[in-house]
Full PDB file with SEQRES, HELIX, SHEET, SSBOND, CRYST1, ORIGX, SCALE, CONECT and MASTER records, all heavy atoms in Angstrom:
SEQRES   1 A   32  LEU VAL VAL LEU GLN THR LEU ALA PRO ALA GLU ARG VAL          
SEQRES   2 A   32  ALA PHE VAL LEU HIS ASP ILE PHE ASP LEU PRO PHE GLU          
SEQRES   3 A   32  GLU ILE ALA PRO VAL VAL                                      
HELIX    1 AA1 VAL A    3  THR A    6  5                                   4    
HELIX    2 AA2 PRO A    9  PHE A   15  1                                   7    
HELIX    3 AA3 VAL A   16  ILE A   20  3                                   5    
HELIX    4 AA4 PHE A   25  VAL A   31  1                                   7    
CRYST1    1.000    1.000    1.000  90.00  90.00  90.00 P 1           1          
ORIGX1      1.000000  0.000000  0.000000        0.00000                         
ORIGX2      0.000000  1.000000  0.000000        0.00000                         
ORIGX3      0.000000  0.000000  1.000000        0.00000                         
SCALE1      1.000000  0.000000  0.000000        0.00000                         
SCALE2      0.000000  1.000000  0.000000        0.00000                         
SCALE3      0.000000  0.000000  1.000000        0.00000                         
ATOM      1  N   LEU A   1    -120.260  26.505 -40.926  1.00  0.00           N  
ATOM      2  CA  LEU A   1    -119.139  27.250 -41.482  1.00  0.00           C  
ATOM      3  C   LEU A   1    -118.535  26.522 -42.680  1.00  0.00           C  
ATOM      4  O   LEU A   1    -118.151  27.139 -43.674  1.00  0.00           O  
ATOM      5  CB  LEU A   1    -118.059  27.457 -40.415  1.00  0.00           C  
ATOM      6  CG  LEU A   1    -118.384  28.463 -39.311  1.00  0.00           C  
ATOM      7  CD1 LEU A   1    -117.256  28.497 -38.288  1.00  0.00           C  
ATOM      8  CD2 LEU A   1    -118.602  29.846 -39.897  1.00  0.00           C  
ATOM      9  N   VAL A   2    -118.458  25.203 -42.586  1.00  0.00           N  
ATOM     10  CA  VAL A   2    -117.894  24.426 -43.688  1.00  0.00           C  
ATOM     11  C   VAL A   2    -118.726  24.590 -44.948  1.00  0.00           C  
ATOM     12  O   VAL A   2    -118.204  24.861 -46.029  1.00  0.00           O  
ATOM     13  CB  VAL A   2    -117.787  22.928 -43.314  1.00  0.00           C  
ATOM     14  CG1 VAL A   2    -117.422  22.097 -44.536  1.00  0.00           C  
ATOM     15  CG2 VAL A   2    -116.733  22.741 -42.233  1.00  0.00           C  
ATOM     16  N   VAL A   3    -120.036  24.424 -44.826  1.00  0.00           N  
ATOM     17  CA  VAL A   3    -120.870  24.478 -46.023  1.00  0.00           C  
ATOM     18  C   VAL A   3    -120.982  25.900 -46.563  1.00  0.00           C  
ATOM     19  O   VAL A   3    -121.121  26.112 -47.765  1.00  0.00           O  
ATOM     20  CB  VAL A   3    -122.258  23.860 -45.759  1.00  0.00           C  
ATOM     21  CG1 VAL A   3    -123.145  24.799 -44.978  1.00  0.00           C  
ATOM     22  CG2 VAL A   3    -122.931  23.470 -47.073  1.00  0.00           C  
ATOM     23  N   LEU A   4    -120.890  26.913 -45.691  1.00  0.00           N  
ATOM     24  CA  LEU A   4    -120.915  28.290 -46.173  1.00  0.00           C  
ATOM     25  C   LEU A   4    -119.739  28.572 -47.107  1.00  0.00           C  
ATOM     26  O   LEU A   4    -119.824  29.423 -47.990  1.00  0.00           O  
ATOM     27  CB  LEU A   4    -120.892  29.272 -44.995  1.00  0.00           C  
ATOM     28  CG  LEU A   4    -122.196  29.455 -44.224  1.00  0.00           C  
ATOM     29  CD1 LEU A   4    -121.991  30.404 -43.044  1.00  0.00           C  
ATOM     30  CD2 LEU A   4    -123.305  29.964 -45.119  1.00  0.00           C  
ATOM     31  N   GLN A   5    -118.647  27.837 -46.915  1.00  0.00           N  
ATOM     32  CA  GLN A   5    -117.486  28.028 -47.778  1.00  0.00           C  
ATOM     33  C   GLN A   5    -117.787  27.669 -49.224  1.00  0.00           C  
ATOM     34  O   GLN A   5    -117.098  28.116 -50.139  1.00  0.00           O  
ATOM     35  CB  GLN A   5    -116.311  27.177 -47.281  1.00  0.00           C  
ATOM     36  CG  GLN A   5    -115.779  27.590 -45.925  1.00  0.00           C  
ATOM     37  CD  GLN A   5    -114.758  26.610 -45.401  1.00  0.00           C  
ATOM     38  OE1 GLN A   5    -114.209  25.791 -46.142  1.00  0.00           O  
ATOM     39  NE2 GLN A   5    -114.487  26.678 -44.111  1.00  0.00           N  
ATOM     40  N   THR A   6    -118.797  26.849 -49.444  1.00  0.00           N  
ATOM     41  CA  THR A   6    -119.102  26.407 -50.812  1.00  0.00           C  
ATOM     42  C   THR A   6    -119.989  27.402 -51.556  1.00  0.00           C  
ATOM     43  O   THR A   6    -120.230  27.228 -52.750  1.00  0.00           O  
ATOM     44  CB  THR A   6    -119.813  25.034 -50.782  1.00  0.00           C  
ATOM     45  OG1 THR A   6    -121.138  25.194 -50.256  1.00  0.00           O  
ATOM     46  CG2 THR A   6    -119.037  24.035 -49.931  1.00  0.00           C  
ATOM     47  N   LEU A   7    -120.483  28.428 -50.876  1.00  0.00           N  
ATOM     48  CA  LEU A   7    -121.389  29.381 -51.509  1.00  0.00           C  
ATOM     49  C   LEU A   7    -120.631  30.497 -52.208  1.00  0.00           C  
ATOM     50  O   LEU A   7    -119.528  30.861 -51.808  1.00  0.00           O  
ATOM     51  CB  LEU A   7    -122.321  29.998 -50.460  1.00  0.00           C  
ATOM     52  CG  LEU A   7    -123.173  29.048 -49.629  1.00  0.00           C  
ATOM     53  CD1 LEU A   7    -123.991  29.846 -48.618  1.00  0.00           C  
ATOM     54  CD2 LEU A   7    -124.077  28.205 -50.501  1.00  0.00           C  
ATOM     55  N   ALA A   8    -121.252  31.055 -53.243  1.00  0.00           N  
ATOM     56  CA  ALA A   8    -120.707  32.251 -53.877  1.00  0.00           C  
ATOM     57  C   ALA A   8    -120.781  33.402 -52.880  1.00  0.00           C  
ATOM     58  O   ALA A   8    -121.651  33.413 -51.996  1.00  0.00           O  
ATOM     59  CB  ALA A   8    -121.504  32.581 -55.139  1.00  0.00           C  
ATOM     60  N   PRO A   9    -119.875  34.404 -52.980  1.00  0.00           N  
ATOM     61  CA  PRO A   9    -119.853  35.492 -51.996  1.00  0.00           C  
ATOM     62  C   PRO A   9    -121.199  36.158 -51.766  1.00  0.00           C  
ATOM     63  O   PRO A   9    -121.615  36.348 -50.612  1.00  0.00           O  
ATOM     64  CB  PRO A   9    -118.834  36.470 -52.592  1.00  0.00           C  
ATOM     65  CG  PRO A   9    -117.878  35.589 -53.335  1.00  0.00           C  
ATOM     66  CD  PRO A   9    -118.744  34.514 -53.926  1.00  0.00           C  
ATOM     67  N   ALA A  10    -121.913  36.532 -52.822  1.00  0.00           N  
ATOM     68  CA  ALA A  10    -123.190  37.222 -52.650  1.00  0.00           C  
ATOM     69  C   ALA A  10    -124.226  36.304 -52.001  1.00  0.00           C  
ATOM     70  O   ALA A  10    -125.049  36.756 -51.188  1.00  0.00           O  
ATOM     71  CB  ALA A  10    -123.703  37.733 -53.989  1.00  0.00           C  
ATOM     72  N   GLU A  11    -124.214  35.008 -52.337  1.00  0.00           N  
ATOM     73  CA  GLU A  11    -125.129  34.054 -51.708  1.00  0.00           C  
ATOM     74  C   GLU A  11    -124.856  33.964 -50.215  1.00  0.00           C  
ATOM     75  O   GLU A  11    -125.771  33.948 -49.391  1.00  0.00           O  
ATOM     76  CB  GLU A  11    -124.960  32.672 -52.336  1.00  0.00           C  
ATOM     77  CG  GLU A  11    -125.439  32.545 -53.760  1.00  0.00           C  
ATOM     78  CD  GLU A  11    -125.166  31.172 -54.336  1.00  0.00           C  
ATOM     79  OE1 GLU A  11    -124.327  30.431 -53.772  1.00  0.00           O  
ATOM     80  OE2 GLU A  11    -125.777  30.832 -55.363  1.00  0.00           O  
ATOM     81  N   ARG A  12    -123.592  33.906 -49.875  1.00  0.00           N  
ATOM     82  CA  ARG A  12    -123.200  33.771 -48.481  1.00  0.00           C  
ATOM     83  C   ARG A  12    -123.649  34.977 -47.664  1.00  0.00           C  
ATOM     84  O   ARG A  12    -124.203  34.840 -46.567  1.00  0.00           O  
ATOM     85  CB  ARG A  12    -121.680  33.617 -48.410  1.00  0.00           C  
ATOM     86  CG  ARG A  12    -121.130  33.287 -47.046  1.00  0.00           C  
ATOM     87  CD  ARG A  12    -119.696  32.844 -47.184  1.00  0.00           C  
ATOM     88  NE  ARG A  12    -119.108  32.498 -45.916  1.00  0.00           N  
ATOM     89  CZ  ARG A  12    -117.947  31.870 -45.780  1.00  0.00           C  
ATOM     90  NH1 ARG A  12    -117.275  31.510 -46.845  1.00  0.00           N  
ATOM     91  NH2 ARG A  12    -117.460  31.605 -44.589  1.00  0.00           N  
ATOM     92  N   VAL A  13    -123.427  36.170 -48.212  1.00  0.00           N  
ATOM     93  CA  VAL A  13    -123.808  37.390 -47.508  1.00  0.00           C  
ATOM     94  C   VAL A  13    -125.324  37.476 -47.348  1.00  0.00           C  
ATOM     95  O   VAL A  13    -125.841  37.777 -46.265  1.00  0.00           O  
ATOM     96  CB  VAL A  13    -123.261  38.626 -48.245  1.00  0.00           C  
ATOM     97  CG1 VAL A  13    -123.860  39.908 -47.674  1.00  0.00           C  
ATOM     98  CG2 VAL A  13    -121.740  38.666 -48.147  1.00  0.00           C  
ATOM     99  N   ALA A  14    -126.060  37.196 -48.421  1.00  0.00           N  
ATOM    100  CA  ALA A  14    -127.519  37.271 -48.362  1.00  0.00           C  
ATOM    101  C   ALA A  14    -128.075  36.267 -47.359  1.00  0.00           C  
ATOM    102  O   ALA A  14    -128.990  36.580 -46.575  1.00  0.00           O  
ATOM    103  CB  ALA A  14    -128.111  37.023 -49.753  1.00  0.00           C  
ATOM    104  N   PHE A  15    -127.546  35.059 -47.351  1.00  0.00           N  
ATOM    105  CA  PHE A  15    -128.018  34.031 -46.426  1.00  0.00           C  
ATOM    106  C   PHE A  15    -127.723  34.419 -44.980  1.00  0.00           C  
ATOM    107  O   PHE A  15    -128.602  34.319 -44.105  1.00  0.00           O  
ATOM    108  CB  PHE A  15    -127.365  32.686 -46.751  1.00  0.00           C  
ATOM    109  CG  PHE A  15    -127.672  31.610 -45.748  1.00  0.00           C  
ATOM    110  CD1 PHE A  15    -128.872  30.922 -45.801  1.00  0.00           C  
ATOM    111  CD2 PHE A  15    -126.771  31.300 -44.737  1.00  0.00           C  
ATOM    112  CE1 PHE A  15    -129.172  29.933 -44.862  1.00  0.00           C  
ATOM    113  CE2 PHE A  15    -127.058  30.325 -43.796  1.00  0.00           C  
ATOM    114  CZ  PHE A  15    -128.261  29.637 -43.864  1.00  0.00           C  
ATOM    115  N   VAL A  16    -126.507  34.828 -44.699  1.00  0.00           N  
ATOM    116  CA  VAL A  16    -126.131  35.162 -43.327  1.00  0.00           C  
ATOM    117  C   VAL A  16    -126.958  36.327 -42.803  1.00  0.00           C  
ATOM    118  O   VAL A  16    -127.494  36.284 -41.692  1.00  0.00           O  
ATOM    119  CB  VAL A  16    -124.621  35.481 -43.247  1.00  0.00           C  
ATOM    120  CG1 VAL A  16    -124.274  36.090 -41.893  1.00  0.00           C  
ATOM    121  CG2 VAL A  16    -123.799  34.216 -43.459  1.00  0.00           C  
ATOM    122  N   LEU A  17    -127.084  37.378 -43.611  1.00  0.00           N  
ATOM    123  CA  LEU A  17    -127.809  38.561 -43.153  1.00  0.00           C  
ATOM    124  C   LEU A  17    -129.293  38.270 -42.929  1.00  0.00           C  
ATOM    125  O   LEU A  17    -129.885  38.748 -41.966  1.00  0.00           O  
ATOM    126  CB  LEU A  17    -127.649  39.709 -44.151  1.00  0.00           C  
ATOM    127  CG  LEU A  17    -126.259  40.332 -44.229  1.00  0.00           C  
ATOM    128  CD1 LEU A  17    -126.242  41.452 -45.265  1.00  0.00           C  
ATOM    129  CD2 LEU A  17    -125.804  40.859 -42.870  1.00  0.00           C  
ATOM    130  N   HIS A  18    -129.899  37.472 -43.823  1.00  0.00           N  
ATOM    131  CA  HIS A  18    -131.337  37.219 -43.686  1.00  0.00           C  
ATOM    132  C   HIS A  18    -131.638  36.070 -42.749  1.00  0.00           C  
ATOM    133  O   HIS A  18    -132.404  36.217 -41.784  1.00  0.00           O  
ATOM    134  CB  HIS A  18    -131.961  36.934 -45.054  1.00  0.00           C  
ATOM    135  CG  HIS A  18    -133.444  36.721 -44.971  1.00  0.00           C  
ATOM    136  ND1 HIS A  18    -133.997  35.456 -44.835  1.00  0.00           N  
ATOM    137  CD2 HIS A  18    -134.477  37.594 -44.950  1.00  0.00           C  
ATOM    138  CE1 HIS A  18    -135.310  35.571 -44.759  1.00  0.00           C  
ATOM    139  NE2 HIS A  18    -135.633  36.854 -44.823  1.00  0.00           N  
ATOM    140  N   ASP A  19    -131.067  34.892 -42.998  1.00  0.00           N  
ATOM    141  CA  ASP A  19    -131.465  33.701 -42.247  1.00  0.00           C  
ATOM    142  C   ASP A  19    -130.892  33.666 -40.836  1.00  0.00           C  
ATOM    143  O   ASP A  19    -131.482  33.050 -39.944  1.00  0.00           O  
ATOM    144  CB  ASP A  19    -131.047  32.445 -43.001  1.00  0.00           C  
ATOM    145  CG  ASP A  19    -131.965  32.153 -44.176  1.00  0.00           C  
ATOM    146  OD1 ASP A  19    -132.287  33.081 -44.922  1.00  0.00           O  
ATOM    147  OD2 ASP A  19    -132.368  30.999 -44.332  1.00  0.00           O  
ATOM    148  N   ILE A  20    -129.752  34.308 -40.625  1.00  0.00           N  
ATOM    149  CA  ILE A  20    -129.138  34.259 -39.300  1.00  0.00           C  
ATOM    150  C   ILE A  20    -129.397  35.541 -38.510  1.00  0.00           C  
ATOM    151  O   ILE A  20    -129.665  35.501 -37.313  1.00  0.00           O  
ATOM    152  CB  ILE A  20    -127.623  33.982 -39.413  1.00  0.00           C  
ATOM    153  CG1 ILE A  20    -127.395  32.602 -40.059  1.00  0.00           C  
ATOM    154  CG2 ILE A  20    -126.954  34.027 -38.040  1.00  0.00           C  
ATOM    155  CD1 ILE A  20    -125.960  32.229 -40.244  1.00  0.00           C  
ATOM    156  N   PHE A  21    -129.345  36.699 -39.212  1.00  0.00           N  
ATOM    157  CA  PHE A  21    -129.509  37.971 -38.508  1.00  0.00           C  
ATOM    158  C   PHE A  21    -130.826  38.666 -38.832  1.00  0.00           C  
ATOM    159  O   PHE A  21    -131.067  39.780 -38.375  1.00  0.00           O  
ATOM    160  CB  PHE A  21    -128.321  38.889 -38.807  1.00  0.00           C  
ATOM    161  CG  PHE A  21    -127.045  38.400 -38.179  1.00  0.00           C  
ATOM    162  CD1 PHE A  21    -126.107  37.706 -38.930  1.00  0.00           C  
ATOM    163  CD2 PHE A  21    -126.806  38.596 -36.832  1.00  0.00           C  
ATOM    164  CE1 PHE A  21    -124.946  37.239 -38.354  1.00  0.00           C  
ATOM    165  CE2 PHE A  21    -125.642  38.127 -36.240  1.00  0.00           C  
ATOM    166  CZ  PHE A  21    -124.708  37.443 -36.999  1.00  0.00           C  
ATOM    167  N   ASP A  22    -131.661  38.017 -39.627  1.00  0.00           N  
ATOM    168  CA  ASP A  22    -133.046  38.469 -39.827  1.00  0.00           C  
ATOM    169  C   ASP A  22    -133.158  39.870 -40.422  1.00  0.00           C  
ATOM    170  O   ASP A  22    -134.106  40.598 -40.136  1.00  0.00           O  
ATOM    171  CB  ASP A  22    -133.813  38.399 -38.505  1.00  0.00           C  
ATOM    172  CG  ASP A  22    -135.321  38.299 -38.711  1.00  0.00           C  
ATOM    173  OD1 ASP A  22    -135.729  37.758 -39.755  1.00  0.00           O  
ATOM    174  OD2 ASP A  22    -136.074  38.763 -37.847  1.00  0.00           O  
ATOM    175  N   LEU A  23    -132.210  40.259 -41.272  1.00  0.00           N  
ATOM    176  CA  LEU A  23    -132.328  41.535 -41.959  1.00  0.00           C  
ATOM    177  C   LEU A  23    -133.291  41.399 -43.127  1.00  0.00           C  
ATOM    178  O   LEU A  23    -133.287  40.377 -43.821  1.00  0.00           O  
ATOM    179  CB  LEU A  23    -130.973  42.015 -42.479  1.00  0.00           C  
ATOM    180  CG  LEU A  23    -130.226  43.031 -41.603  1.00  0.00           C  
ATOM    181  CD1 LEU A  23    -129.781  42.366 -40.306  1.00  0.00           C  
ATOM    182  CD2 LEU A  23    -129.035  43.602 -42.348  1.00  0.00           C  
ATOM    183  N   PRO A  24    -134.117  42.400 -43.380  1.00  0.00           N  
ATOM    184  CA  PRO A  24    -135.034  42.332 -44.532  1.00  0.00           C  
ATOM    185  C   PRO A  24    -134.260  42.455 -45.839  1.00  0.00           C  
ATOM    186  O   PRO A  24    -133.192  43.075 -45.897  1.00  0.00           O  
ATOM    187  CB  PRO A  24    -135.959  43.536 -44.311  1.00  0.00           C  
ATOM    188  CG  PRO A  24    -135.174  44.479 -43.472  1.00  0.00           C  
ATOM    189  CD  PRO A  24    -134.308  43.630 -42.581  1.00  0.00           C  
ATOM    190  N   PHE A  25    -134.826  41.891 -46.894  1.00  0.00           N  
ATOM    191  CA  PHE A  25    -134.134  41.902 -48.187  1.00  0.00           C  
ATOM    192  C   PHE A  25    -133.986  43.312 -48.752  1.00  0.00           C  
ATOM    193  O   PHE A  25    -133.073  43.567 -49.534  1.00  0.00           O  
ATOM    194  CB  PHE A  25    -134.866  40.991 -49.176  1.00  0.00           C  
ATOM    195  CG  PHE A  25    -134.718  39.537 -48.857  1.00  0.00           C  
ATOM    196  CD1 PHE A  25    -135.805  38.782 -48.443  1.00  0.00           C  
ATOM    197  CD2 PHE A  25    -133.487  38.912 -48.953  1.00  0.00           C  
ATOM    198  CE1 PHE A  25    -135.666  37.438 -48.132  1.00  0.00           C  
ATOM    199  CE2 PHE A  25    -133.334  37.568 -48.649  1.00  0.00           C  
ATOM    200  CZ  PHE A  25    -134.428  36.833 -48.235  1.00  0.00           C  
ATOM    201  N   GLU A  26    -134.846  44.217 -48.336  1.00  0.00           N  
ATOM    202  CA  GLU A  26    -134.719  45.600 -48.782  1.00  0.00           C  
ATOM    203  C   GLU A  26    -133.423  46.218 -48.275  1.00  0.00           C  
ATOM    204  O   GLU A  26    -132.835  47.080 -48.939  1.00  0.00           O  
ATOM    205  CB  GLU A  26    -135.918  46.425 -48.299  1.00  0.00           C  
ATOM    206  CG  GLU A  26    -137.229  46.101 -48.997  1.00  0.00           C  
ATOM    207  CD  GLU A  26    -137.828  44.773 -48.545  1.00  0.00           C  
ATOM    208  OE1 GLU A  26    -137.409  44.255 -47.478  1.00  0.00           O  
ATOM    209  OE2 GLU A  26    -138.718  44.254 -49.254  1.00  0.00           O  
ATOM    210  N   GLU A  27    -132.932  45.775 -47.109  1.00  0.00           N  
ATOM    211  CA  GLU A  27    -131.673  46.270 -46.572  1.00  0.00           C  
ATOM    212  C   GLU A  27    -130.485  45.479 -47.104  1.00  0.00           C  
ATOM    213  O   GLU A  27    -129.369  46.002 -47.197  1.00  0.00           O  
ATOM    214  CB  GLU A  27    -131.695  46.219 -45.044  1.00  0.00           C  
ATOM    215  CG  GLU A  27    -132.703  47.165 -44.416  1.00  0.00           C  
ATOM    216  CD  GLU A  27    -132.655  47.134 -42.896  1.00  0.00           C  
ATOM    217  OE1 GLU A  27    -131.611  46.736 -42.345  1.00  0.00           O  
ATOM    218  OE2 GLU A  27    -133.661  47.503 -42.263  1.00  0.00           O  
ATOM    219  N   ILE A  28    -130.719  44.224 -47.439  1.00  0.00           N  
ATOM    220  CA  ILE A  28    -129.641  43.385 -47.972  1.00  0.00           C  
ATOM    221  C   ILE A  28    -129.316  43.755 -49.411  1.00  0.00           C  
ATOM    222  O   ILE A  28    -128.160  43.688 -49.846  1.00  0.00           O  
ATOM    223  CB  ILE A  28    -130.040  41.894 -47.881  1.00  0.00           C  
ATOM    224  CG1 ILE A  28    -130.216  41.494 -46.409  1.00  0.00           C  
ATOM    225  CG2 ILE A  28    -129.005  40.994 -48.555  1.00  0.00           C  
ATOM    226  CD1 ILE A  28    -130.815  40.113 -46.226  1.00  0.00           C  
ATOM    227  N   ALA A  29    -130.338  44.163 -50.164  1.00  0.00           N  
ATOM    228  CA  ALA A  29    -130.180  44.447 -51.590  1.00  0.00           C  
ATOM    229  C   ALA A  29    -129.019  45.394 -51.899  1.00  0.00           C  
ATOM    230  O   ALA A  29    -128.165  45.072 -52.749  1.00  0.00           O  
ATOM    231  CB  ALA A  29    -131.488  44.992 -52.166  1.00  0.00           C  
ATOM    232  N   PRO A  30    -128.913  46.570 -51.242  1.00  0.00           N  
ATOM    233  CA  PRO A  30    -127.792  47.450 -51.576  1.00  0.00           C  
ATOM    234  C   PRO A  30    -126.432  46.892 -51.176  1.00  0.00           C  
ATOM    235  O   PRO A  30    -125.410  47.242 -51.769  1.00  0.00           O  
ATOM    236  CB  PRO A  30    -128.118  48.734 -50.790  1.00  0.00           C  
ATOM    237  CG  PRO A  30    -129.064  48.330 -49.724  1.00  0.00           C  
ATOM    238  CD  PRO A  30    -129.856  47.205 -50.291  1.00  0.00           C  
ATOM    239  N   VAL A  31    -126.397  46.003 -50.191  1.00  0.00           N  
ATOM    240  CA  VAL A  31    -125.127  45.401 -49.780  1.00  0.00           C  
ATOM    241  C   VAL A  31    -124.567  44.522 -50.890  1.00  0.00           C  
ATOM    242  O   VAL A  31    -123.380  44.573 -51.214  1.00  0.00           O  
ATOM    243  CB  VAL A  31    -125.306  44.579 -48.485  1.00  0.00           C  
ATOM    244  CG1 VAL A  31    -123.998  43.872 -48.125  1.00  0.00           C  
ATOM    245  CG2 VAL A  31    -125.769  45.463 -47.344  1.00  0.00           C  
ATOM    246  N   VAL A  32    -125.434  43.702 -51.488  1.00  0.00           N  
ATOM    247  CA  VAL A  32    -124.986  42.773 -52.535  1.00  0.00           C  
ATOM    248  C   VAL A  32    -125.103  43.376 -53.934  1.00  0.00           C  
ATOM    249  O   VAL A  32    -124.763  42.724 -54.921  1.00  0.00           O  
ATOM    250  CB  VAL A  32    -125.760  41.438 -52.468  1.00  0.00           C  
ATOM    251  CG1 VAL A  32    -125.466  40.718 -51.160  1.00  0.00           C  
ATOM    252  CG2 VAL A  32    -127.263  41.650 -52.633  1.00  0.00           C  
TER     253      VAL A  32                                                      
MASTER        0    0    0    4    0    0    0    6  252    1    0    3          
END                                                                             
């Protein structure tokens, strides 16, 4: 949580959705 604070908003969202919740980038793309 501490290091996530250092990320830009779009980086944080893309990382959380893909690396933690395993969403494909095709679904993440419209979010960011």
